[in-house]
Amino acid sequence: MKLTKYAHACVTFTDADQTLLIDPGTFTPNAAELLAAADAVLVTHEHFDHFNQAAFTAELERRPDLKVFGPAGLAEALGGRLTPVRAGDSIEAAGFAVTVHGDQHAVIHADIPTIDNACYLVEGRVFHPGDSYFVPEVAVETLLVPTSGPWTKFGEGADFIRAVKPERIIQIHELMLSELGQNSAAMFLGKDGLTGLPLENLAWGTSTEI
């Protein structure tokens, strides 16, 4: 199985001739192209940096049978063309076995209401937490770690990694960090910092075998 990292929180999984896409948002410049190439799509939550509504609307007009999975709150934005998921669900998407975990976006501020956030474990190996530090009650081989945003904090990120106990960590949700900020993330969260694991920072469009 191949994981390819794209801008911000967007990744794809490819196996044989099937492609599963997660979180093509407005911060992902090629979101429309990725949607056109996807066999199924998972969305963690409704924020624009994870969900490019215009690109989804256009692709669903072109391919109304495209399978899109996400929290029920996204149904209206997609004209009802959504398979709603919640914690505890097990689904098959583009031939990939996926389990759903967690239920809420991390708190940004007490004055900002929290929204639904679905975390996804793909093929029992790779965990995408969306905008959360939710710790699943299952073993995780590869953890995708958010490193920037109004809700993130390196100390909490380190505790998240320690609690999940993955074998490998890959940075996502990085677009709000400068090069210096990304180096700081690697220092605090990486092998010589608080977790003992190297924080992999894949260039956009770069693939790795999982």
N, C-alpha and C. Protein backbone atom coordinates (compact mmCIF):
# COMPACT_ATOMS: atom_id res chain seq x y z
N MET A 1 0.85 -1.18 0.00
CA MET A 1 0.00 0.00 0.00
C MET A 1 0.88 1.24 0.00
N LYS A 2 0.53 2.21 -0.84
CA LYS A 2 1.33 3.43 -0.97
C LYS A 2 0.56 4.62 -0.43
N LEU A 3 1.22 5.39 0.42
CA LEU A 3 0.66 6.64 0.91
C LEU A 3 1.36 7.79 0.19
N THR A 4 0.58 8.74 -0.32
CA THR A 4 1.14 9.93 -0.94
C THR A 4 0.66 11.15 -0.19
N LYS A 5 1.60 12.00 0.21
CA LYS A 5 1.29 13.22 0.97
C LYS A 5 1.07 14.38 0.02
N TYR A 6 -0.01 15.11 0.24
CA TYR A 6 -0.28 16.34 -0.50
C TYR A 6 -0.37 17.50 0.49
N ALA A 7 -0.65 18.69 -0.02
CA ALA A 7 -0.62 19.88 0.83
C ALA A 7 -1.56 19.75 2.02
N HIS A 8 -1.06 20.18 3.15
CA HIS A 8 -1.80 20.28 4.41
C HIS A 8 -2.23 18.90 4.92
N ALA A 9 -3.52 18.67 5.08
CA ALA A 9 -3.98 17.42 5.70
C ALA A 9 -4.36 16.35 4.69
N CYS A 10 -4.07 16.59 3.42
CA CYS A 10 -4.54 15.71 2.34
C CYS A 10 -3.54 14.60 2.04
N VAL A 11 -4.04 13.38 1.99
CA VAL A 11 -3.22 12.22 1.62
C VAL A 11 -4.06 11.29 0.74
N THR A 12 -3.38 10.46 -0.03
CA THR A 12 -4.05 9.37 -0.74
C THR A 12 -3.41 8.04 -0.37
N PHE A 13 -4.21 6.99 -0.48
CA PHE A 13 -3.73 5.62 -0.37
C PHE A 13 -4.00 4.93 -1.70
N THR A 14 -3.01 4.25 -2.21
CA THR A 14 -3.15 3.55 -3.47
C THR A 14 -2.71 2.11 -3.31
N ASP A 15 -3.52 1.21 -3.83
CA ASP A 15 -3.20 -0.21 -3.84
C ASP A 15 -3.78 -0.80 -5.11
N ALA A 16 -2.93 -1.44 -5.90
CA ALA A 16 -3.34 -1.93 -7.21
C ALA A 16 -3.85 -0.74 -8.02
N ASP A 17 -5.09 -0.78 -8.47
CA ASP A 17 -5.61 0.32 -9.29
C ASP A 17 -6.66 1.14 -8.54
N GLN A 18 -6.67 1.06 -7.21
CA GLN A 18 -7.66 1.78 -6.40
C GLN A 18 -7.00 2.91 -5.61
N THR A 19 -7.69 4.06 -5.54
CA THR A 19 -7.15 5.22 -4.82
C THR A 19 -8.20 5.74 -3.83
N LEU A 20 -7.78 5.87 -2.58
CA LEU A 20 -8.59 6.42 -1.52
C LEU A 20 -8.02 7.78 -1.14
N LEU A 21 -8.84 8.80 -1.14
CA LEU A 21 -8.42 10.19 -0.88
C LEU A 21 -8.99 10.66 0.45
N ILE A 22 -8.17 11.35 1.24
CA ILE A 22 -8.63 11.91 2.51
C ILE A 22 -8.36 13.41 2.54
N ASP A 23 -9.38 14.17 2.87
CA ASP A 23 -9.32 15.60 3.17
C ASP A 23 -8.70 16.50 2.09
N PRO A 24 -9.28 16.51 0.89
CA PRO A 24 -8.85 17.49 -0.11
C PRO A 24 -9.52 18.84 0.16
N GLY A 25 -8.80 19.73 0.81
CA GLY A 25 -9.37 21.02 1.20
C GLY A 25 -8.89 22.15 0.32
N THR A 26 -9.28 23.37 0.67
CA THR A 26 -8.90 24.52 -0.15
C THR A 26 -7.42 24.86 -0.03
N PHE A 27 -6.73 24.34 0.99
CA PHE A 27 -5.29 24.54 1.10
C PHE A 27 -4.51 23.56 0.22
N THR A 28 -5.22 22.64 -0.43
CA THR A 28 -4.59 21.66 -1.32
C THR A 28 -4.82 22.13 -2.75
N PRO A 29 -3.80 22.71 -3.40
CA PRO A 29 -4.02 23.35 -4.71
C PRO A 29 -4.59 22.43 -5.78
N ASN A 30 -4.23 21.16 -5.72
CA ASN A 30 -4.69 20.21 -6.75
C ASN A 30 -5.84 19.35 -6.25
N ALA A 31 -6.67 19.90 -5.37
CA ALA A 31 -7.79 19.13 -4.80
C ALA A 31 -8.72 18.60 -5.89
N ALA A 32 -9.03 19.43 -6.89
CA ALA A 32 -9.95 18.99 -7.95
C ALA A 32 -9.36 17.82 -8.73
N GLU A 33 -8.08 17.87 -9.02
CA GLU A 33 -7.42 16.78 -9.74
C GLU A 33 -7.43 15.50 -8.91
N LEU A 34 -7.17 15.64 -7.63
CA LEU A 34 -7.16 14.47 -6.76
C LEU A 34 -8.55 13.85 -6.65
N LEU A 35 -9.57 14.68 -6.57
CA LEU A 35 -10.94 14.16 -6.54
C LEU A 35 -11.27 13.43 -7.84
N ALA A 36 -10.82 13.96 -8.96
CA ALA A 36 -11.11 13.33 -10.25
C ALA A 36 -10.45 11.97 -10.37
N ALA A 37 -9.35 11.76 -9.66
CA ALA A 37 -8.62 10.50 -9.74
C ALA A 37 -9.00 9.51 -8.65
N ALA A 38 -9.82 9.94 -7.69
CA ALA A 38 -10.13 9.10 -6.53
C ALA A 38 -11.27 8.13 -6.82
N ASP A 39 -11.18 6.96 -6.20
CA ASP A 39 -12.27 5.98 -6.27
C ASP A 39 -13.23 6.14 -5.10
N ALA A 40 -12.76 6.73 -4.01
CA ALA A 40 -13.60 7.03 -2.86
C ALA A 40 -12.88 8.11 -2.05
N VAL A 41 -13.67 8.83 -1.24
CA VAL A 41 -13.11 9.96 -0.47
C VAL A 41 -13.60 9.88 0.97
N LEU A 42 -12.68 10.15 1.90
CA LEU A 42 -13.01 10.30 3.31
C LEU A 42 -12.78 11.75 3.70
N VAL A 43 -13.72 12.33 4.44
CA VAL A 43 -13.57 13.70 4.95
C VAL A 43 -13.66 13.63 6.46
N THR A 44 -12.70 14.24 7.14
CA THR A 44 -12.72 14.19 8.61
C THR A 44 -13.71 15.17 9.21
N HIS A 45 -13.82 16.38 8.59
CA HIS A 45 -14.76 17.38 9.13
C HIS A 45 -14.96 18.49 8.11
N GLU A 46 -15.80 19.44 8.43
CA GLU A 46 -16.31 20.40 7.46
C GLU A 46 -15.45 21.64 7.25
N HIS A 47 -14.38 21.84 7.99
CA HIS A 47 -13.57 23.06 7.82
C HIS A 47 -12.95 23.11 6.43
N PHE A 48 -12.85 24.32 5.90
CA PHE A 48 -12.47 24.50 4.49
C PHE A 48 -11.09 23.96 4.16
N ASP A 49 -10.19 23.91 5.14
CA ASP A 49 -8.85 23.40 4.84
C ASP A 49 -8.83 21.88 4.70
N HIS A 50 -9.96 21.24 4.99
CA HIS A 50 -10.09 19.79 4.81
C HIS A 50 -11.16 19.43 3.77
N PHE A 51 -12.00 20.39 3.45
CA PHE A 51 -13.15 20.11 2.61
C PHE A 51 -13.36 21.27 1.63
N ASN A 52 -12.97 21.05 0.37
CA ASN A 52 -13.14 22.05 -0.68
C ASN A 52 -14.52 21.83 -1.30
N GLN A 53 -15.50 22.59 -0.83
CA GLN A 53 -16.88 22.34 -1.26
C GLN A 53 -17.06 22.54 -2.75
N ALA A 54 -16.46 23.57 -3.33
CA ALA A 54 -16.61 23.82 -4.76
C ALA A 54 -16.07 22.66 -5.58
N ALA A 55 -14.92 22.13 -5.19
CA ALA A 55 -14.33 21.01 -5.92
C ALA A 55 -15.18 19.76 -5.78
N PHE A 56 -15.72 19.51 -4.58
CA PHE A 56 -16.59 18.36 -4.37
C PHE A 56 -17.86 18.48 -5.20
N THR A 57 -18.46 19.67 -5.19
CA THR A 57 -19.70 19.87 -5.93
C THR A 57 -19.50 19.59 -7.41
N ALA A 58 -18.40 20.12 -7.97
CA ALA A 58 -18.11 19.92 -9.39
C ALA A 58 -17.87 18.45 -9.71
N GLU A 59 -17.13 17.76 -8.84
CA GLU A 59 -16.82 16.35 -9.12
C GLU A 59 -18.06 15.47 -8.98
N LEU A 60 -18.93 15.79 -8.02
CA LEU A 60 -20.14 14.99 -7.85
C LEU A 60 -21.15 15.26 -8.97
N GLU A 61 -21.08 16.42 -9.58
CA GLU A 61 -21.89 16.65 -10.77
C GLU A 61 -21.38 15.79 -11.93
N ARG A 62 -20.08 15.65 -12.01
CA ARG A 62 -19.47 14.84 -13.07
C ARG A 62 -19.62 13.35 -12.79
N ARG A 63 -19.47 12.98 -11.52
CA ARG A 63 -19.53 11.57 -11.10
C ARG A 63 -20.45 11.45 -9.89
N PRO A 64 -21.74 11.42 -10.07
CA PRO A 64 -22.65 11.37 -8.92
C PRO A 64 -22.54 10.09 -8.11
N ASP A 65 -21.89 9.06 -8.66
CA ASP A 65 -21.75 7.81 -7.93
C ASP A 65 -20.47 7.75 -7.10
N LEU A 66 -19.67 8.84 -7.08
CA LEU A 66 -18.46 8.85 -6.28
C LEU A 66 -18.83 8.68 -4.81
N LYS A 67 -18.18 7.74 -4.13
CA LYS A 67 -18.46 7.48 -2.73
C LYS A 67 -17.70 8.47 -1.85
N VAL A 68 -18.45 9.21 -1.06
CA VAL A 68 -17.87 10.17 -0.12
C VAL A 68 -18.37 9.82 1.28
N PHE A 69 -17.45 9.68 2.22
CA PHE A 69 -17.78 9.33 3.60
C PHE A 69 -17.34 10.47 4.52
N GLY A 70 -18.13 10.76 5.53
CA GLY A 70 -17.76 11.80 6.48
C GLY A 70 -18.83 11.98 7.53
N PRO A 71 -18.61 12.90 8.48
CA PRO A 71 -19.62 13.18 9.51
C PRO A 71 -20.94 13.63 8.89
N ALA A 72 -22.02 13.32 9.53
CA ALA A 72 -23.36 13.60 8.99
C ALA A 72 -23.58 15.07 8.68
N GLY A 73 -22.90 15.96 9.41
CA GLY A 73 -23.07 17.38 9.20
C GLY A 73 -22.66 17.87 7.83
N LEU A 74 -21.93 17.06 7.08
CA LEU A 74 -21.51 17.43 5.73
C LEU A 74 -22.58 17.13 4.68
N ALA A 75 -23.61 16.41 5.04
CA ALA A 75 -24.60 15.95 4.06
C ALA A 75 -25.25 17.11 3.32
N GLU A 76 -25.61 18.15 4.03
CA GLU A 76 -26.29 19.28 3.39
C GLU A 76 -25.38 19.96 2.37
N ALA A 77 -24.12 20.14 2.73
CA ALA A 77 -23.17 20.78 1.82
C ALA A 77 -22.98 19.98 0.54
N LEU A 78 -23.19 18.67 0.62
CA LEU A 78 -23.01 17.79 -0.53
C LEU A 78 -24.34 17.39 -1.18
N GLY A 79 -25.39 18.09 -0.85
CA GLY A 79 -26.69 17.78 -1.43
C GLY A 79 -27.18 16.39 -1.09
N GLY A 80 -26.78 15.92 0.08
CA GLY A 80 -27.20 14.59 0.53
C GLY A 80 -26.38 13.45 -0.02
N ARG A 81 -25.43 13.75 -0.89
CA ARG A 81 -24.63 12.68 -1.51
C ARG A 81 -23.42 12.35 -0.63
N LEU A 82 -23.71 11.85 0.53
CA LEU A 82 -22.70 11.50 1.53
C LEU A 82 -23.13 10.24 2.26
N THR A 83 -22.19 9.36 2.51
CA THR A 83 -22.44 8.24 3.41
C THR A 83 -21.95 8.66 4.79
N PRO A 84 -22.86 8.94 5.73
CA PRO A 84 -22.42 9.43 7.05
C PRO A 84 -21.76 8.33 7.86
N VAL A 85 -20.73 8.69 8.60
CA VAL A 85 -20.03 7.74 9.45
C VAL A 85 -19.86 8.35 10.84
N ARG A 86 -19.67 7.46 11.81
CA ARG A 86 -19.38 7.90 13.17
C ARG A 86 -18.53 6.85 13.86
N ALA A 87 -18.03 7.20 15.03
CA ALA A 87 -17.14 6.30 15.77
C ALA A 87 -17.77 4.92 15.92
N GLY A 88 -16.96 3.90 15.70
CA GLY A 88 -17.40 2.51 15.81
C GLY A 88 -17.75 1.88 14.48
N ASP A 89 -17.90 2.70 13.42
CA ASP A 89 -18.24 2.16 12.10
C ASP A 89 -17.03 1.49 11.45
N SER A 90 -17.31 0.47 10.69
CA SER A 90 -16.32 -0.17 9.82
C SER A 90 -16.86 -0.11 8.40
N ILE A 91 -16.07 0.42 7.48
CA ILE A 91 -16.53 0.58 6.11
C ILE A 91 -15.48 0.05 5.14
N GLU A 92 -15.90 -0.14 3.90
CA GLU A 92 -14.96 -0.41 2.82
C GLU A 92 -15.04 0.77 1.85
N ALA A 93 -13.90 1.38 1.57
CA ALA A 93 -13.85 2.54 0.69
C ALA A 93 -12.74 2.32 -0.34
N ALA A 94 -13.13 2.22 -1.60
CA ALA A 94 -12.18 1.97 -2.69
C ALA A 94 -11.37 0.70 -2.45
N GLY A 95 -12.00 -0.27 -1.81
CA GLY A 95 -11.33 -1.53 -1.54
C GLY A 95 -10.50 -1.55 -0.28
N PHE A 96 -10.42 -0.43 0.42
CA PHE A 96 -9.65 -0.34 1.66
C PHE A 96 -10.58 -0.54 2.85
N ALA A 97 -10.11 -1.31 3.82
CA ALA A 97 -10.86 -1.47 5.08
C ALA A 97 -10.55 -0.27 5.97
N VAL A 98 -11.60 0.39 6.44
CA VAL A 98 -11.45 1.61 7.25
C VAL A 98 -12.32 1.51 8.48
N THR A 99 -11.76 1.85 9.63
CA THR A 99 -12.56 1.97 10.84
C THR A 99 -12.58 3.43 11.27
N VAL A 100 -13.69 3.83 11.90
CA VAL A 100 -13.91 5.22 12.26
C VAL A 100 -13.79 5.37 13.77
N HIS A 101 -13.11 6.44 14.19
CA HIS A 101 -12.82 6.65 15.61
C HIS A 101 -13.04 8.12 15.96
N GLY A 102 -13.20 8.40 17.27
CA GLY A 102 -13.32 9.78 17.72
C GLY A 102 -14.64 10.40 17.34
N ASP A 103 -14.87 11.61 17.85
CA ASP A 103 -16.16 12.23 17.53
C ASP A 103 -16.11 13.75 17.45
N GLN A 104 -15.10 14.41 18.00
CA GLN A 104 -15.12 15.87 18.01
C GLN A 104 -13.78 16.48 17.62
N HIS A 105 -13.88 17.63 16.97
CA HIS A 105 -12.73 18.48 16.67
C HIS A 105 -12.09 18.93 17.98
N ALA A 106 -10.79 19.11 17.96
CA ALA A 106 -10.11 19.65 19.15
C ALA A 106 -10.65 21.05 19.47
N VAL A 107 -10.61 21.40 20.72
CA VAL A 107 -11.08 22.72 21.14
C VAL A 107 -10.12 23.79 20.66
N ILE A 108 -10.66 24.80 19.96
CA ILE A 108 -9.86 25.95 19.53
C ILE A 108 -9.92 27.03 20.60
N HIS A 109 -11.12 27.33 21.08
CA HIS A 109 -11.33 28.31 22.13
C HIS A 109 -12.71 28.05 22.72
N ALA A 110 -12.88 28.40 23.97
CA ALA A 110 -14.16 28.17 24.64
C ALA A 110 -15.31 28.89 23.95
N ASP A 111 -15.02 29.99 23.25
CA ASP A 111 -16.07 30.73 22.56
C ASP A 111 -16.43 30.17 21.20
N ILE A 112 -15.68 29.17 20.74
CA ILE A 112 -15.92 28.59 19.41
C ILE A 112 -16.51 27.19 19.59
N PRO A 113 -17.74 26.96 19.12
CA PRO A 113 -18.35 25.63 19.28
C PRO A 113 -17.52 24.54 18.60
N THR A 114 -17.46 23.39 19.24
CA THR A 114 -16.79 22.26 18.60
C THR A 114 -17.72 21.61 17.58
N ILE A 115 -17.11 20.94 16.60
CA ILE A 115 -17.87 20.27 15.56
C ILE A 115 -17.46 18.81 15.50
N ASP A 116 -18.23 18.02 14.75
CA ASP A 116 -17.90 16.61 14.59
C ASP A 116 -16.60 16.45 13.81
N ASN A 117 -15.82 15.47 14.20
CA ASN A 117 -14.56 15.15 13.53
C ASN A 117 -14.39 13.64 13.53
N ALA A 118 -14.28 13.05 12.36
CA ALA A 118 -14.08 11.60 12.25
C ALA A 118 -12.61 11.30 12.01
N CYS A 119 -12.06 10.40 12.79
CA CYS A 119 -10.70 9.91 12.59
C CYS A 119 -10.78 8.57 11.85
N TYR A 120 -9.81 8.30 11.00
CA TYR A 120 -9.86 7.09 10.19
C TYR A 120 -8.60 6.24 10.35
N LEU A 121 -8.80 4.95 10.58
CA LEU A 121 -7.71 3.98 10.57
C LEU A 121 -7.84 3.16 9.30
N VAL A 122 -6.85 3.27 8.43
CA VAL A 122 -6.90 2.64 7.12
C VAL A 122 -6.11 1.33 7.15
N GLU A 123 -6.80 0.26 6.77
CA GLU A 123 -6.21 -1.08 6.71
C GLU A 123 -5.57 -1.49 8.04
N GLY A 124 -6.11 -0.98 9.13
CA GLY A 124 -5.59 -1.34 10.45
C GLY A 124 -4.18 -0.88 10.71
N ARG A 125 -3.69 0.09 9.89
CA ARG A 125 -2.28 0.46 10.00
C ARG A 125 -2.03 1.96 10.12
N VAL A 126 -2.74 2.76 9.34
CA VAL A 126 -2.43 4.20 9.27
C VAL A 126 -3.60 5.00 9.85
N PHE A 127 -3.30 5.89 10.80
CA PHE A 127 -4.33 6.64 11.50
C PHE A 127 -4.26 8.11 11.12
N HIS A 128 -5.37 8.63 10.56
CA HIS A 128 -5.52 10.05 10.25
C HIS A 128 -6.48 10.64 11.27
N PRO A 129 -6.00 11.54 12.15
CA PRO A 129 -6.86 12.03 13.23
C PRO A 129 -7.69 13.24 12.89
N GLY A 130 -7.59 13.75 11.63
CA GLY A 130 -8.28 15.01 11.34
C GLY A 130 -7.73 16.10 12.23
N ASP A 131 -8.60 16.94 12.75
CA ASP A 131 -8.18 17.99 13.68
C ASP A 131 -8.44 17.55 15.11
N SER A 132 -7.65 16.59 15.55
CA SER A 132 -7.82 16.11 16.92
C SER A 132 -6.55 15.39 17.35
N TYR A 133 -6.45 15.22 18.66
CA TYR A 133 -5.42 14.35 19.23
C TYR A 133 -6.11 13.12 19.83
N PHE A 134 -7.11 12.60 19.15
CA PHE A 134 -7.84 11.45 19.68
C PHE A 134 -6.95 10.21 19.64
N VAL A 135 -6.92 9.49 20.74
CA VAL A 135 -6.10 8.28 20.86
C VAL A 135 -7.00 7.06 20.68
N PRO A 136 -6.83 6.31 19.59
CA PRO A 136 -7.68 5.14 19.38
C PRO A 136 -7.29 3.99 20.30
N GLU A 137 -8.26 3.14 20.59
CA GLU A 137 -7.99 2.00 21.47
C GLU A 137 -7.56 0.79 20.66
N VAL A 138 -6.74 1.03 19.65
CA VAL A 138 -6.21 -0.03 18.79
C VAL A 138 -4.76 0.29 18.48
N ALA A 139 -4.02 -0.74 18.06
CA ALA A 139 -2.63 -0.53 17.68
C ALA A 139 -2.56 0.24 16.36
N VAL A 140 -1.59 1.14 16.27
CA VAL A 140 -1.39 1.96 15.08
C VAL A 140 0.07 1.83 14.65
N GLU A 141 0.29 1.47 13.39
CA GLU A 141 1.66 1.39 12.89
C GLU A 141 2.20 2.76 12.49
N THR A 142 1.41 3.50 11.70
CA THR A 142 1.83 4.81 11.20
C THR A 142 0.81 5.85 11.62
N LEU A 143 1.27 6.89 12.30
CA LEU A 143 0.41 7.96 12.80
C LEU A 143 0.68 9.23 12.01
N LEU A 144 -0.37 9.83 11.45
CA LEU A 144 -0.27 11.12 10.79
C LEU A 144 -0.48 12.20 11.85
N VAL A 145 0.51 13.06 12.02
CA VAL A 145 0.54 13.99 13.15
C VAL A 145 0.33 15.43 12.70
N PRO A 146 -0.77 16.07 13.11
CA PRO A 146 -0.98 17.49 12.79
C PRO A 146 0.03 18.37 13.56
N THR A 147 0.65 19.33 12.86
CA THR A 147 1.67 20.14 13.51
C THR A 147 1.37 21.64 13.51
N SER A 148 0.32 22.10 12.83
CA SER A 148 0.02 23.53 12.86
C SER A 148 -1.47 23.75 12.83
N GLY A 149 -1.88 24.90 13.34
CA GLY A 149 -3.29 25.24 13.38
C GLY A 149 -3.63 25.92 14.68
N PRO A 150 -4.80 26.56 14.77
CA PRO A 150 -5.15 27.31 15.98
C PRO A 150 -5.42 26.43 17.19
N TRP A 151 -5.47 25.13 16.99
CA TRP A 151 -5.77 24.23 18.11
C TRP A 151 -4.57 23.39 18.52
N THR A 152 -3.48 23.43 17.75
CA THR A 152 -2.36 22.53 18.01
C THR A 152 -1.38 23.11 19.04
N LYS A 153 -0.66 22.20 19.67
CA LYS A 153 0.39 22.57 20.63
C LYS A 153 1.40 21.44 20.65
N PHE A 154 2.68 21.77 20.54
CA PHE A 154 3.69 20.73 20.44
C PHE A 154 3.69 19.80 21.64
N GLY A 155 3.48 20.35 22.84
CA GLY A 155 3.46 19.50 24.03
C GLY A 155 2.34 18.48 23.99
N GLU A 156 1.15 18.93 23.58
CA GLU A 156 0.02 18.01 23.47
C GLU A 156 0.24 17.04 22.33
N GLY A 157 0.88 17.50 21.26
CA GLY A 157 1.20 16.61 20.15
C GLY A 157 2.14 15.49 20.59
N ALA A 158 3.12 15.84 21.41
CA ALA A 158 4.05 14.84 21.91
C ALA A 158 3.33 13.81 22.78
N ASP A 159 2.43 14.28 23.65
CA ASP A 159 1.67 13.36 24.49
C ASP A 159 0.77 12.46 23.65
N PHE A 160 0.22 13.02 22.57
CA PHE A 160 -0.59 12.25 21.63
C PHE A 160 0.22 11.11 21.02
N ILE A 161 1.39 11.41 20.54
CA ILE A 161 2.25 10.39 19.94
C ILE A 161 2.63 9.33 20.98
N ARG A 162 2.99 9.78 22.16
CA ARG A 162 3.36 8.83 23.22
C ARG A 162 2.20 7.90 23.57
N ALA A 163 0.98 8.46 23.59
CA ALA A 163 -0.19 7.65 23.96
C ALA A 163 -0.54 6.64 22.88
N VAL A 164 -0.42 7.05 21.60
CA VAL A 164 -0.75 6.14 20.50
C VAL A 164 0.30 5.04 20.34
N LYS A 165 1.56 5.38 20.61
CA LYS A 165 2.68 4.43 20.52
C LYS A 165 2.83 3.83 19.10
N PRO A 166 2.89 4.67 18.08
CA PRO A 166 3.05 4.15 16.72
C PRO A 166 4.49 3.73 16.46
N GLU A 167 4.71 3.05 15.36
CA GLU A 167 6.06 2.71 14.93
C GLU A 167 6.66 3.81 14.07
N ARG A 168 5.79 4.65 13.49
CA ARG A 168 6.24 5.64 12.53
C ARG A 168 5.32 6.86 12.60
N ILE A 169 5.88 8.07 12.48
CA ILE A 169 5.07 9.28 12.49
C ILE A 169 5.39 10.14 11.26
N ILE A 170 4.32 10.64 10.62
CA ILE A 170 4.45 11.47 9.43
C ILE A 170 3.68 12.77 9.66
N GLN A 171 4.32 13.89 9.35
CA GLN A 171 3.70 15.19 9.57
C GLN A 171 2.59 15.48 8.55
N ILE A 172 1.47 15.99 9.06
CA ILE A 172 0.41 16.55 8.23
C ILE A 172 -0.03 17.87 8.85
N HIS A 173 -0.95 18.58 8.18
CA HIS A 173 -1.53 19.82 8.71
C HIS A 173 -0.42 20.83 9.03
N GLU A 174 0.53 20.94 8.12
CA GLU A 174 1.75 21.70 8.36
C GLU A 174 1.78 23.07 7.70
N LEU A 175 0.75 23.42 6.92
CA LEU A 175 0.86 24.55 6.02
C LEU A 175 1.01 25.90 6.73
N MET A 176 0.61 25.98 7.98
CA MET A 176 0.72 27.24 8.70
C MET A 176 2.10 27.43 9.34
N LEU A 177 3.01 26.49 9.13
CA LEU A 177 4.36 26.60 9.67
C LEU A 177 5.35 27.01 8.58
N SER A 178 6.24 27.93 8.91
CA SER A 178 7.36 28.26 8.04
C SER A 178 8.34 27.09 8.05
N GLU A 179 9.39 27.20 7.25
CA GLU A 179 10.43 26.16 7.27
C GLU A 179 11.04 26.05 8.66
N LEU A 180 11.26 27.19 9.29
CA LEU A 180 11.78 27.18 10.66
C LEU A 180 10.81 26.49 11.60
N GLY A 181 9.51 26.76 11.44
CA GLY A 181 8.51 26.13 12.28
C GLY A 181 8.47 24.63 12.11
N GLN A 182 8.60 24.18 10.87
CA GLN A 182 8.61 22.74 10.61
C GLN A 182 9.84 22.09 11.21
N ASN A 183 10.97 22.79 11.16
CA ASN A 183 12.18 22.27 11.81
C ASN A 183 11.99 22.20 13.32
N SER A 184 11.29 23.19 13.87
CA SER A 184 11.00 23.17 15.31
C SER A 184 10.10 21.99 15.67
N ALA A 185 9.11 21.72 14.81
CA ALA A 185 8.23 20.57 15.04
C ALA A 185 9.04 19.28 15.07
N ALA A 186 9.97 19.16 14.12
CA ALA A 186 10.80 17.95 14.08
C ALA A 186 11.68 17.86 15.33
N MET A 187 12.13 19.00 15.82
CA MET A 187 12.99 19.00 17.00
C MET A 187 12.20 18.59 18.25
N PHE A 188 11.02 19.18 18.42
CA PHE A 188 10.25 18.89 19.62
C PHE A 188 9.58 17.52 19.57
N LEU A 189 9.04 17.16 18.41
CA LEU A 189 8.24 15.94 18.30
C LEU A 189 9.03 14.75 17.78
N GLY A 190 10.24 14.98 17.30
CA GLY A 190 10.99 13.94 16.62
C GLY A 190 11.89 13.10 17.49
N LYS A 191 12.81 12.41 16.84
CA LYS A 191 13.65 11.39 17.49
C LYS A 191 14.48 11.95 18.62
N ASP A 192 15.02 13.15 18.43
CA ASP A 192 15.87 13.74 19.48
C ASP A 192 15.07 14.65 20.41
N GLY A 193 13.75 14.64 20.27
CA GLY A 193 12.91 15.45 21.12
C GLY A 193 12.13 14.62 22.12
N LEU A 194 10.80 14.74 22.07
CA LEU A 194 9.96 14.18 23.12
C LEU A 194 9.39 12.80 22.83
N THR A 195 9.60 12.28 21.63
CA THR A 195 8.93 11.02 21.29
C THR A 195 9.87 9.87 20.95
N GLY A 196 11.10 10.15 20.57
CA GLY A 196 12.03 9.10 20.21
C GLY A 196 11.85 8.54 18.82
N LEU A 197 10.92 9.15 18.04
CA LEU A 197 10.66 8.72 16.67
C LEU A 197 10.97 9.86 15.71
N PRO A 198 11.58 9.59 14.57
CA PRO A 198 11.80 10.67 13.60
C PRO A 198 10.47 11.13 13.01
N LEU A 199 10.24 12.45 13.01
CA LEU A 199 9.05 13.00 12.40
C LEU A 199 9.31 13.19 10.91
N GLU A 200 8.68 12.39 10.09
CA GLU A 200 8.90 12.45 8.65
C GLU A 200 8.10 13.60 8.04
N ASN A 201 8.76 14.40 7.25
CA ASN A 201 8.12 15.53 6.57
C ASN A 201 8.21 15.26 5.08
N LEU A 202 7.17 14.69 4.52
CA LEU A 202 7.17 14.33 3.10
C LEU A 202 6.82 15.54 2.25
N ALA A 203 7.60 15.79 1.22
CA ALA A 203 7.28 16.85 0.28
C ALA A 203 5.97 16.53 -0.43
N TRP A 204 5.23 17.57 -0.83
CA TRP A 204 3.95 17.34 -1.50
C TRP A 204 4.14 16.51 -2.76
N GLY A 205 3.32 15.48 -2.88
CA GLY A 205 3.42 14.59 -4.04
C GLY A 205 4.36 13.44 -3.84
N THR A 206 5.02 13.38 -2.67
CA THR A 206 5.96 12.30 -2.37
C THR A 206 5.21 11.10 -1.79
N SER A 207 5.60 9.91 -2.23
CA SER A 207 4.96 8.67 -1.79
C SER A 207 5.90 7.86 -0.91
N THR A 208 5.30 7.04 -0.06
CA THR A 208 6.05 6.11 0.77
C THR A 208 5.26 4.83 0.91
N GLU A 209 5.95 3.72 0.99
CA GLU A 209 5.29 2.44 1.18
C GLU A 209 4.93 2.28 2.65
N ILE A 210 3.72 1.82 2.89
CA ILE A 210 3.22 1.63 4.26
C ILE A 210 3.06 0.14 4.54
